[in-house]
Protein backbone atom coordinates (compact mmCIF):
# COMPACT_ATOMS: atom_id res chain seq x y z
CA UNK A 1 -44.84 16.42 38.07
CA UNK A 2 -46.46 13.11 37.12
CA UNK A 3 -44.79 9.71 37.23
CA UNK A 4 -46.28 6.31 36.40
CA UNK A 5 -45.12 2.78 37.23
CA UNK A 6 -44.70 -0.19 34.90
CA UNK A 7 -43.85 -3.57 36.46
CA UNK A 8 -42.24 -6.22 34.25
CA UNK A 9 -42.34 -9.99 34.77
CA UNK A 10 -44.50 -12.86 33.60
CA UNK A 11 -44.36 -14.22 37.16
CA UNK A 12 -46.44 -11.21 38.26
CA UNK A 13 -49.23 -12.12 35.84
CA UNK A 14 -49.17 -15.78 36.89
CA UNK A 15 -49.53 -14.84 40.53
CA UNK A 16 -46.22 -16.48 41.43
CA UNK A 17 -45.01 -13.18 42.91
CA UNK A 18 -47.13 -10.42 44.44
CA UNK A 19 -46.21 -6.99 43.07
CA UNK A 20 -45.27 -5.23 46.29
CA UNK A 21 -42.69 -3.14 44.42
CA UNK A 22 -45.27 -0.99 42.63
CA UNK A 23 -47.12 -0.39 45.88
CA UNK A 24 -43.91 0.73 47.59
CA UNK A 25 -42.96 3.00 44.69
CA UNK A 26 -46.44 4.52 44.67
CA UNK A 27 -46.17 5.22 48.39
CA UNK A 28 -42.83 7.00 47.91
CA UNK A 29 -44.13 9.09 45.01
CA UNK A 30 -47.09 10.22 47.11
CA UNK A 31 -44.79 11.02 50.00
CA UNK A 32 -42.72 13.29 47.77
CA UNK A 33 -45.74 15.03 46.27
CA UNK A 34 -45.38 13.47 42.81
CA UNK A 35 -48.66 12.61 41.09
CA UNK A 36 -49.09 8.93 40.25
CA UNK A 37 -52.29 7.82 38.53
CA UNK A 38 -51.50 4.46 36.95
CA UNK A 39 -49.67 1.19 37.65
CA UNK A 40 -49.39 -1.54 35.01
CA UNK A 41 -47.93 -5.03 34.98
CA UNK A 42 -46.71 -6.82 31.84
CA UNK A 43 -45.11 -10.14 31.03
CA UNK A 44 -41.70 -10.63 29.45
CA UNK A 45 -42.63 -9.67 25.90
CA UNK A 46 -40.66 -6.92 24.19
CA UNK A 47 -43.41 -5.91 21.77
CA UNK A 48 -45.92 -5.37 24.56
CA UNK A 49 -43.38 -3.61 26.79
CA UNK A 50 -42.48 -1.19 24.01
CA UNK A 51 -46.17 -0.48 23.28
CA UNK A 52 -46.89 0.15 26.98
CA UNK A 53 -43.94 2.51 27.43
CA UNK A 54 -44.94 4.53 24.36
CA UNK A 55 -48.56 4.69 25.46
CA UNK A 56 -47.79 5.69 29.06
CA UNK A 57 -45.34 8.39 27.94
CA UNK A 58 -48.16 10.14 26.07
CA UNK A 59 -49.80 10.94 29.43
CA UNK A 60 -46.94 11.26 31.92
CA UNK A 61 -43.77 13.28 32.48
CA UNK A 62 -41.76 10.31 33.75
CA UNK A 63 -41.98 6.54 33.97
CA UNK A 64 -40.46 4.04 36.39
CA UNK A 65 -40.03 0.57 34.87
CA UNK A 66 -39.42 -2.07 37.53
CA UNK A 67 -37.88 -5.43 36.68
CA UNK A 68 -36.46 -7.07 33.57
CA UNK A 69 -32.87 -5.90 34.08
CA UNK A 70 -31.36 -9.30 34.82
CA UNK A 71 -28.79 -11.19 32.71
CA UNK A 72 -31.06 -13.77 31.04
CA UNK A 73 -32.70 -13.67 27.63
CA UNK A 74 -36.14 -12.95 29.05
CA UNK A 75 -34.88 -9.77 30.75
CA UNK A 76 -36.02 -7.36 28.06
CA UNK A 77 -36.39 -3.95 29.71
CA UNK A 78 -33.14 -2.46 28.37
CA UNK A 79 -33.92 -3.76 24.87
CA UNK A 80 -37.45 -2.33 25.00
CA UNK A 81 -36.25 1.10 26.14
CA UNK A 82 -33.63 1.16 23.38
CA UNK A 83 -36.36 0.38 20.85
CA UNK A 84 -38.56 3.18 22.20
CA UNK A 85 -35.59 5.56 21.90
CA UNK A 86 -34.78 4.15 18.41
CA UNK A 87 -31.14 3.58 19.40
CA UNK A 88 -28.77 0.63 19.81
CA UNK A 89 -27.51 -0.87 23.04
CA UNK A 90 -23.91 0.07 23.79
CA UNK A 91 -21.59 -1.90 26.07
CA UNK A 92 -20.28 0.25 28.95
CA UNK A 93 -16.81 -1.16 29.65
CA UNK A 94 -16.47 0.54 33.04
CA UNK A 95 -19.82 -0.92 34.07
CA UNK A 96 -18.75 -4.37 32.85
CA UNK A 97 -15.60 -4.15 34.99
CA UNK A 98 -17.71 -3.11 38.00
CA UNK A 99 -20.02 -6.09 37.58
CA UNK A 100 -17.05 -8.47 37.21
CA UNK A 101 -15.46 -6.98 40.35
CA UNK A 102 -18.62 -7.65 42.32
CA UNK A 103 -18.47 -11.34 41.40
CA UNK A 104 -14.79 -11.43 42.33
CA UNK A 105 -15.49 -9.98 45.77
CA UNK A 106 -18.09 -12.71 46.27
CA UNK A 107 -15.49 -15.34 45.23
CA UNK A 108 -17.63 -16.44 42.29
CA UNK A 109 -16.98 -16.76 38.57
CA UNK A 110 -19.03 -14.36 36.48
CA UNK A 111 -21.22 -15.98 33.80
CA UNK A 112 -20.67 -14.21 30.49
CA UNK A 113 -24.35 -13.41 30.13
CA UNK A 114 -24.02 -11.00 33.09
CA UNK A 115 -22.23 -8.66 30.69
CA UNK A 116 -25.65 -7.94 29.18
CA UNK A 117 -26.28 -5.87 32.28
CA UNK A 118 -23.56 -3.48 31.11
CA UNK A 119 -25.48 -2.72 27.90
CA UNK A 120 -26.99 0.78 27.94
CA UNK A 121 -29.28 2.39 25.35
CA UNK A 122 -27.14 4.92 23.44
CA UNK A 123 -27.64 8.36 25.00
CA UNK A 124 -28.90 6.89 28.27
CA UNK A 125 -27.08 6.62 31.59
CA UNK A 126 -26.59 3.85 34.12
CA UNK A 127 -27.89 4.24 37.66
CA UNK A 128 -25.37 2.72 40.10
CA UNK A 129 -26.36 -0.39 42.03
CA UNK A 130 -23.82 -0.88 44.83
CA UNK A 131 -25.59 -3.93 46.29
CA UNK A 132 -26.44 -5.91 43.14
CA UNK A 133 -25.25 -6.74 39.62
CA UNK A 134 -28.15 -5.06 37.80
CA UNK A 135 -27.54 -1.33 37.26
CA UNK A 136 -30.56 0.84 36.62
CA UNK A 137 -31.14 3.13 33.65
CA UNK A 138 -32.06 6.77 33.18
CA UNK A 139 -33.06 7.59 29.62
CA UNK A 140 -34.51 10.74 28.02
CA UNK A 141 -37.26 10.44 25.41
CA UNK A 142 -38.63 13.64 23.83
CA UNK A 143 -38.14 15.68 26.99
CA UNK A 144 -39.50 12.94 29.25
CA UNK A 145 -37.54 10.50 31.36
CA UNK A 146 -37.65 6.73 31.84
CA UNK A 147 -36.09 5.17 34.93
CA UNK A 148 -35.49 1.42 34.92
CA UNK A 149 -34.83 -0.22 38.29
CA UNK A 150 -34.24 -3.86 39.36
CA UNK A 151 -37.07 -6.04 40.56
CA UNK A 152 -35.15 -7.20 43.65
CA UNK A 153 -36.91 -5.18 46.36
CA UNK A 154 -33.95 -4.04 48.48
CA UNK A 155 -31.96 -3.08 45.35
CA UNK A 156 -34.96 -1.24 43.90
CA UNK A 157 -35.69 0.63 47.13
CA UNK A 158 -32.11 1.85 47.54
CA UNK A 159 -32.00 3.02 43.92
CA UNK A 160 -35.38 4.78 44.10
CA UNK A 161 -34.53 6.50 47.38
CA UNK A 162 -30.99 7.59 46.58
CA UNK A 163 -31.11 8.17 42.82
CA UNK A 164 -34.55 8.31 41.24
CA UNK A 165 -36.52 10.46 43.69
CA UNK A 166 -33.86 13.19 43.99
CA UNK A 167 -33.64 13.35 40.19
CA UNK A 168 -37.44 13.54 39.88
CA UNK A 169 -37.64 16.35 42.41
CA UNK A 170 -34.88 18.28 40.64
CA UNK A 171 -36.71 17.93 37.32
CA UNK A 172 -40.00 19.03 38.89
CA UNK A 173 -38.50 22.28 40.12
CA UNK A 174 -40.13 21.64 43.49
CA UNK A 175 -38.48 23.85 46.11
CA UNK A 176 -40.58 22.88 49.10
CA UNK A 177 -39.67 19.97 51.37
CA UNK A 178 -41.94 17.05 52.23
CA UNK A 179 -41.34 15.04 55.39
CA UNK A 180 -43.25 12.43 57.34
CA UNK A 181 -43.38 10.66 60.66
CA UNK A 182 -44.83 7.18 61.18
CA UNK A 183 -46.38 6.50 64.59
CA UNK A 184 -46.29 2.72 65.14
CA UNK A 185 -49.25 1.45 67.18
CA UNK A 186 -50.66 -1.82 68.48
CA UNK A 187 -53.63 -2.82 70.58
CA UNK A 188 -56.67 -1.90 68.52
CA UNK A 189 -58.10 -2.25 65.01
CA UNK A 190 -57.49 0.03 62.05
CA UNK A 191 -61.12 1.17 62.03
CA UNK A 192 -61.06 1.93 65.77
CA UNK A 193 -57.83 3.85 65.26
CA UNK A 194 -59.46 5.93 62.53
CA UNK A 195 -62.40 6.69 64.80
CA UNK A 196 -60.08 7.88 67.53
CA UNK A 197 -58.45 10.48 65.29
CA UNK A 198 -61.51 11.32 63.17
CA UNK A 199 -61.73 14.87 64.51
CA UNK A 200 -58.09 15.46 63.58
CA UNK A 201 -58.78 14.23 60.06
CA UNK A 202 -61.70 16.65 59.80
CA UNK A 203 -59.60 19.54 61.10
CA UNK A 204 -56.72 18.84 58.71
CA UNK A 205 -58.99 18.36 55.70
CA UNK A 206 -59.82 22.06 55.85
CA UNK A 207 -56.16 23.15 55.67
CA UNK A 208 -54.67 20.29 53.62
CA UNK A 209 -51.32 20.31 55.40
CA UNK A 210 -50.32 18.09 57.14
CA UNK A 211 -52.14 14.90 56.12
CA UNK A 212 -52.77 11.66 58.01
CA UNK A 213 -52.82 8.16 56.51
CA UNK A 214 -53.36 4.70 58.04
CA UNK A 215 -51.28 1.68 57.02
CA UNK A 216 -51.88 -1.86 58.32
CA UNK A 217 -48.48 -3.55 58.39
CA UNK A 218 -49.15 -6.87 60.12
CA UNK A 219 -46.32 -7.79 62.46
CA UNK A 220 -44.96 -4.22 62.13
CA UNK A 221 -48.15 -2.82 63.65
CA UNK A 222 -50.74 -0.27 62.57
CA UNK A 223 -49.07 2.87 61.30
CA UNK A 224 -50.45 6.38 61.54
CA UNK A 225 -48.37 8.41 59.12
CA UNK A 226 -48.21 12.20 59.28
CA UNK A 227 -46.93 13.94 56.14
CA UNK A 228 -46.27 17.66 55.82
CA UNK A 229 -44.94 20.08 53.23
CA UNK A 230 -42.86 23.06 54.33
CA UNK A 231 -40.72 25.86 52.96
CA UNK A 232 -37.64 23.96 54.13
CA UNK A 233 -36.79 20.91 56.23
CA UNK A 234 -37.11 22.78 59.52
CA UNK A 235 -40.54 24.12 58.59
CA UNK A 236 -41.82 20.68 57.49
CA UNK A 237 -40.39 19.01 60.61
CA UNK A 238 -42.10 21.58 62.85
CA UNK A 239 -45.49 20.92 61.22
CA UNK A 240 -45.07 17.15 61.64
CA UNK A 241 -43.92 17.52 65.25
CA UNK A 242 -46.95 19.62 66.15
CA UNK A 243 -49.36 17.06 64.70
CA UNK A 244 -47.46 14.18 66.31
CA UNK A 245 -47.99 15.83 69.71
CA UNK A 246 -51.73 16.06 69.04
CA UNK A 247 -51.91 12.39 68.02
CA UNK A 248 -49.87 11.13 70.97
CA UNK A 249 -52.37 12.72 73.37
CA UNK A 250 -55.18 10.87 71.57
CA UNK A 251 -53.46 7.53 71.06
CA UNK A 252 -51.61 7.33 74.37
CA UNK A 253 -50.03 3.96 75.14
CA UNK A 254 -51.08 2.49 71.78
CA UNK A 255 -47.96 4.13 70.32
CA UNK A 256 -44.90 1.91 70.75
CA UNK A 257 -42.45 3.55 68.36
CA UNK A 258 -41.81 5.81 65.40
CA UNK A 259 -40.60 5.29 61.83
CA UNK A 260 -38.36 2.18 61.71
CA UNK A 261 -38.63 1.31 65.41
CA UNK A 262 -40.17 -2.11 65.99
CA UNK A 263 -42.04 -3.58 68.93
CA UNK A 264 -39.07 -5.75 69.81
CA UNK A 265 -36.83 -2.67 69.80
CA UNK A 266 -39.20 -0.99 72.28
CA UNK A 267 -39.20 -4.04 74.56
CA UNK A 268 -35.43 -4.54 74.52
CA UNK A 269 -34.85 -0.85 75.20
CA UNK A 270 -37.03 -1.00 78.32
CA UNK A 271 -35.37 -4.19 79.57
CA UNK A 272 -31.90 -2.80 78.95
CA UNK A 273 -32.73 0.31 80.98
CA UNK A 274 -33.62 -1.93 83.94
CA UNK A 275 -30.65 -4.25 83.48
CA UNK A 276 -32.98 -7.24 83.01
CA UNK A 277 -32.48 -10.24 80.73
CA UNK A 278 -35.18 -11.94 78.66
CA UNK A 279 -36.06 -15.52 77.77
CA UNK A 280 -38.81 -16.76 75.47
CA UNK A 281 -40.87 -19.95 75.33
CA UNK A 282 -42.91 -20.29 72.16
CA UNK A 283 -45.23 -22.87 70.72
CA UNK A 284 -47.55 -21.74 67.90
CA UNK A 285 -45.19 -18.90 66.90
CA UNK A 286 -42.49 -21.46 66.13
CA UNK A 287 -39.47 -19.22 66.75
CA UNK A 288 -40.93 -16.07 65.19
CA UNK A 289 -40.73 -14.12 68.46
CA UNK A 290 -37.06 -14.99 68.90
CA UNK A 291 -36.29 -14.26 65.26
CA UNK A 292 -37.78 -10.78 65.56
CA UNK A 293 -35.84 -10.09 68.75
CA UNK A 294 -32.45 -11.06 67.33
CA UNK A 295 -33.04 -8.76 64.34
CA UNK A 296 -32.48 -5.84 66.73
CA UNK A 297 -28.79 -4.84 66.87
CA UNK A 298 -27.39 -5.29 70.36
CA UNK A 299 -30.10 -7.77 71.39
CA UNK A 300 -27.47 -10.08 72.88
CA UNK A 301 -27.00 -7.91 75.95
CA UNK A 302 -30.64 -8.53 76.92
CA UNK A 303 -31.85 -11.68 75.15
CA UNK A 304 -30.72 -14.94 76.77
CA UNK A 305 -32.40 -17.28 74.30
CA UNK A 306 -35.54 -19.27 73.66
CA UNK A 307 -37.13 -22.68 73.71
CA UNK A 308 -39.35 -23.42 70.72
CA UNK A 309 -41.49 -26.03 72.44
CA UNK A 310 -43.71 -26.82 69.49
CA UNK A 311 -44.34 -30.45 70.38
CA UNK A 312 -46.26 -31.38 73.52
CA UNK A 313 -43.50 -33.67 74.80
CA UNK A 314 -40.96 -30.83 74.51
CA UNK A 315 -43.20 -28.65 76.66
CA UNK A 316 -43.41 -31.40 79.26
CA UNK A 317 -39.83 -32.74 79.17
CA UNK A 318 -37.90 -29.50 78.69
CA UNK A 319 -40.11 -26.89 80.35
CA UNK A 320 -41.85 -29.12 82.93
CA UNK A 321 -45.34 -28.23 81.72
CA UNK A 322 -47.84 -30.36 83.64
CA UNK A 323 -51.10 -28.66 82.65
CA UNK A 324 -53.55 -31.16 81.06
CA UNK A 325 -54.12 -28.87 78.06
CA UNK A 326 -51.09 -27.36 76.37
CA UNK A 327 -53.31 -24.60 74.98
CA UNK A 328 -54.26 -22.97 78.26
CA UNK A 329 -53.19 -20.20 80.58
CA UNK A 330 -51.80 -22.81 82.98
CA UNK A 331 -49.58 -24.18 80.20
CA UNK A 332 -48.42 -20.68 79.23
CA UNK A 333 -47.59 -19.93 82.88
CA UNK A 334 -45.57 -23.12 83.25
CA UNK A 335 -43.77 -22.44 79.96
CA UNK A 336 -42.72 -18.99 81.18
CA UNK A 337 -41.63 -20.34 84.55
CA UNK A 338 -39.78 -23.20 82.89
CA UNK A 339 -37.82 -21.06 80.44
CA UNK A 340 -36.94 -18.52 83.13
CA UNK A 341 -35.58 -21.35 85.29
CA UNK A 342 -33.79 -23.02 82.38
CA UNK A 343 -32.15 -19.87 80.96
CA UNK A 344 -31.62 -18.07 84.28
CA UNK A 345 -33.20 -14.87 82.97
CA UNK A 346 -34.99 -12.08 84.82
CA UNK A 347 -38.03 -11.85 82.52
CA UNK A 348 -39.79 -14.51 80.47
CA UNK A 349 -42.64 -14.49 77.99
CA UNK A 350 -44.53 -17.46 76.63
CA UNK A 351 -47.07 -18.04 73.86
CA UNK A 352 -49.15 -21.11 73.12
CA UNK A 353 -52.27 -21.48 71.04
CA UNK A 354 -53.97 -22.73 67.91
CA UNK A 355 -52.85 -21.22 64.58
CA UNK A 356 -55.08 -23.47 62.51
CA UNK A 357 -56.31 -24.40 60.05
CA UNK A 358 -58.46 -26.56 62.36
CA UNK A 359 -59.31 -26.39 66.04
CA UNK A 360 -57.24 -28.38 68.54
CA UNK A 361 -58.82 -30.40 71.34
CA UNK A 362 -61.94 -28.27 71.07
CA UNK A 363 -60.00 -24.99 71.22
CA UNK A 364 -60.95 -22.58 68.42
CA UNK A 365 -58.49 -21.42 65.77
CA UNK A 366 -56.94 -18.09 66.74
CA UNK A 367 -57.02 -18.77 70.49
CA UNK A 368 -53.71 -17.71 72.02
CA UNK A 369 -52.55 -17.83 75.64
CA UNK A 370 -49.74 -15.56 76.80
CA UNK A 371 -47.72 -15.46 80.00
CA UNK A 372 -45.49 -12.70 81.34
CA UNK A 373 -43.03 -13.46 84.16
CA UNK A 374 -41.51 -10.36 85.77
CA UNK A 375 -39.24 -10.15 88.81
CA UNK A 376 -40.99 -9.98 92.16
CA UNK A 377 -44.57 -10.48 90.96
CA UNK A 378 -46.81 -13.41 90.14
CA UNK A 379 -46.77 -14.64 86.56
CA UNK A 380 -49.59 -13.00 84.59
CA UNK A 381 -51.55 -14.86 81.95
CA UNK A 382 -53.93 -13.66 79.23
CA UNK A 383 -56.10 -15.48 76.71
CA UNK A 384 -57.16 -13.72 73.54
CA UNK A 385 -58.37 -14.42 69.99
CA UNK A 386 -56.38 -13.43 66.92
CA UNK A 387 -58.01 -12.90 63.51
CA UNK A 388 -56.83 -14.09 60.14
CA UNK A 389 -55.20 -17.14 58.62
CA UNK A 390 -52.40 -19.25 60.09
CA UNK A 391 -49.60 -16.84 59.13
CA UNK A 392 -51.39 -13.74 60.40
CA UNK A 393 -52.35 -15.43 63.67
CA UNK A 394 -48.66 -16.21 64.26
CA UNK A 395 -47.64 -12.66 63.37
CA UNK A 396 -50.33 -11.06 65.52
CA UNK A 397 -49.47 -13.36 68.44
CA UNK A 398 -45.81 -12.36 68.16
CA UNK A 399 -46.36 -8.61 68.26
CA UNK A 400 -49.15 -8.95 70.83
CA UNK A 401 -47.16 -10.86 73.46
CA UNK A 402 -44.30 -8.37 73.13
CA UNK A 403 -46.80 -5.53 73.37
CA UNK A 404 -48.17 -7.05 76.56
CA UNK A 405 -44.65 -7.11 77.98
CA UNK A 406 -44.08 -3.50 76.88
CA UNK A 407 -47.23 -2.38 78.65
CA UNK A 408 -46.35 -4.23 81.84
CA UNK A 409 -42.87 -2.76 81.85
CA UNK A 410 -44.53 0.65 81.62
CA UNK A 411 -46.89 -0.23 84.46
CA UNK A 412 -49.97 -0.26 82.24
CA UNK A 413 -52.67 -2.87 82.83
CA UNK A 414 -54.10 -3.05 79.31
CA UNK A 415 -54.84 -6.03 77.09
CA UNK A 416 -52.52 -6.81 74.16
CA UNK A 417 -55.47 -6.76 71.75
CA UNK A 418 -58.48 -4.56 72.45
């Protein structure tokens, strides 16, 4: 089974939006064993969209068109598909009522142009969208199928996962099951990670099942993904579990979670087990650490709060930082001590540094100082250097200070960034 991806939107061509949707769709197709050889991006022009769909259908069994399903006049995907099928658009009254009901639930009046989203190419079918107003489309063309999905990422992902992929697999006649497990790691580089598991890659290359892939996901960590195909779910899961065991022996404490588990989830889980509370003092991260923590459901039973002491006078007046340089291990230590005293928490972490774009008081861009305050022991401080631009330095500092806390809670004396 082969499936290609066509992204629609002039904003993609102008660089106003990065096309992460096509990358995500391609990843899912690969995960499910569906061949995918081409991604295209086009602007909002019906003639060119029609020509691209016709051309791509000459070489593929199925096509996913992403975007262009909105209510405005430049949303042309449904019109283009109808032209390819040589049919008219037909108003689906039940769909129109569903869209109107969604606006009513949100206590908003529905603009009349939203009814365009209830127009379906004759002979096609709507794909439900329970979290948005733009339904998708599934349309047959000469024994091949076109799926149209919204450009809004979370709407697209739900539709692809729950509707498109199962339909594709049913059409392919594939009876085997593909499953995967993502090992989330932090503490080393992607290239070093690949070197560590190189012998496993060589061993698996000979058999072809399972496979290992590396994904750099910034603040989410470095992912080692194991994918396996089996006769059924139990068979595939057993293959993945066996390889996961091999990798955990190799990677050791670099692994902080699996699949959707985040670093902050791992930290909160360990603190909760001990009955300890957490406070945060942040400078260069500007609230990013706290924001990540509160994204974890149930964080309130562990997380006391934070002080975003971005300005020097806030560090001194609120946290009693007396160190001459506010980018130093002494400053980080005093920030951790200050927030623990202020919030009456058991554990405190602190981060201060230089995110750039220029050095500060002679301190190089990317320099970050962390502090970890645990019950019954002296406050520990670490200075390290983070790579990348301002945003990546902030992201890496966030996951790194929490990784340092994770390691200390596990009794491991490793650096947050090797």
